[in-house]
C-alpha cells in the first residue's frame, strides 16, 4: 500500500471524474442520496467478497474480506442516518 495510487501499476478507472457525478443530482433529496450510497456500498461489498474468494493467498483474501465487512458497517451507518432523516 506504500505510495498509494501514485505507486499503482495496475488497471485504473478511465473517463472524466465528472461523468460519475451524473448519478448525484443537486436536486436529489438526502434520502435518495443515502439510498444510492447504500447501493454503491453493497456493490463494493460484493466486489470485495468475490475477489477474496478467488485469491489463493490467505492474507490477501483476508484483507478483502475485511474490506467487505467495512462496507457492511458503512451500510449500517447509512441505515441509521436514513432512519434519523425519516423521523
Protein backbone atom coordinates (compact mmCIF):
# COMPACT_ATOMS: atom_id res chain seq x y z
CA UNK A 1 0.00 0.00 0.00
CA UNK A 2 3.06 2.24 0.17
CA UNK A 3 2.82 5.13 -2.24
CA UNK A 4 -0.96 4.88 -2.68
CA UNK A 5 -2.45 5.41 -6.12
CA UNK A 6 0.75 7.13 -7.29
CA UNK A 7 2.60 3.82 -6.90
CA UNK A 8 -0.15 1.70 -8.50
CA UNK A 9 0.86 -0.02 -11.75
CA UNK A 10 -2.40 -1.87 -12.40
CA UNK A 11 -5.64 -1.01 -14.14
CA UNK A 12 -7.41 2.21 -13.20
CA UNK A 13 -10.82 3.60 -14.00
CA UNK A 14 -10.98 5.82 -17.05
CA UNK A 15 -13.09 8.73 -18.09
CA UNK A 16 -13.80 12.12 -16.70
CA UNK A 17 -14.35 12.38 -12.95
CA UNK A 18 -17.48 14.45 -13.54
CA UNK A 19 -19.11 11.66 -15.55
CA UNK A 20 -19.69 9.62 -12.39
CA UNK A 21 -21.36 12.55 -10.70
CA UNK A 22 -24.30 12.31 -13.09
CA UNK A 23 -25.93 9.95 -10.58
CA UNK A 24 -25.80 12.62 -7.87
CA UNK A 25 -28.24 15.32 -8.93
CA UNK A 26 -28.20 18.57 -6.97
CA UNK A 27 -31.98 18.24 -6.82
CA UNK A 28 -31.82 14.86 -5.08
CA UNK A 29 -33.30 14.64 -1.63
CA UNK A 30 -30.99 13.41 1.16
CA UNK A 31 -32.97 10.16 1.38
CA UNK A 32 -32.32 9.48 -2.30
CA UNK A 33 -28.61 10.12 -1.91
CA UNK A 34 -28.48 7.81 1.09
CA UNK A 35 -30.24 5.10 -0.92
CA UNK A 36 -27.80 5.48 -3.79
CA UNK A 37 -24.89 5.39 -1.37
CA UNK A 38 -26.29 2.17 0.12
CA UNK A 39 -26.41 0.53 -3.31
CA UNK A 40 -22.83 1.61 -4.02
CA UNK A 41 -21.67 0.19 -0.68
CA UNK A 42 -23.38 -3.13 -1.46
CA UNK A 43 -21.73 -3.22 -4.88
CA UNK A 44 -18.35 -2.69 -3.24
CA UNK A 45 -19.09 -5.44 -0.70
CA UNK A 46 -19.93 -7.94 -3.43
CA UNK A 47 -16.82 -6.92 -5.37
CA UNK A 48 -14.53 -7.45 -2.38
CA UNK A 49 -16.18 -10.74 -1.46
CA UNK A 50 -15.75 -12.16 -4.96
CA UNK A 51 -12.12 -11.10 -5.08
CA UNK A 52 -11.48 -12.72 -1.68
CA UNK A 53 -12.95 -16.00 -2.97
CA UNK A 54 -10.65 -16.01 -6.00
CA UNK A 55 -7.41 -15.25 -4.15
CA UNK A 56 -5.18 -18.16 -3.23
CA UNK A 57 -3.05 -16.21 -0.74
CA UNK A 58 -4.93 -16.24 2.57
CA UNK A 59 -3.51 -12.93 3.83
CA UNK A 60 -4.67 -11.09 0.71
CA UNK A 61 -8.08 -12.82 0.81
CA UNK A 62 -8.43 -11.82 4.45
CA UNK A 63 -7.78 -8.18 3.61
CA UNK A 64 -10.53 -8.20 1.00
CA UNK A 65 -12.93 -9.93 3.41
CA UNK A 66 -12.17 -7.18 5.93
CA UNK A 67 -12.92 -4.57 3.30
CA UNK A 68 -16.26 -6.26 2.61
CA UNK A 69 -17.04 -6.21 6.33
CA UNK A 70 -16.24 -2.50 6.39
CA UNK A 71 -18.82 -1.98 3.65
CA UNK A 72 -21.39 -3.73 5.86
CA UNK A 73 -20.58 -1.26 8.65
CA UNK A 74 -20.93 1.61 6.19
CA UNK A 75 -24.36 0.30 5.20
CA UNK A 76 -25.38 0.17 8.87
CA UNK A 77 -24.33 3.81 9.26
CA UNK A 78 -26.44 4.69 6.22
CA UNK A 79 -29.42 2.80 7.68
CA UNK A 80 -29.12 4.80 10.89
CA UNK A 81 -28.80 8.07 9.00
CA UNK A 82 -31.84 7.24 6.88
CA UNK A 83 -33.87 6.40 9.99
CA UNK A 84 -32.94 9.74 11.59
CA UNK A 85 -33.99 11.63 8.48
CA UNK A 86 -37.25 9.68 8.15
CA UNK A 87 -38.31 10.82 11.63
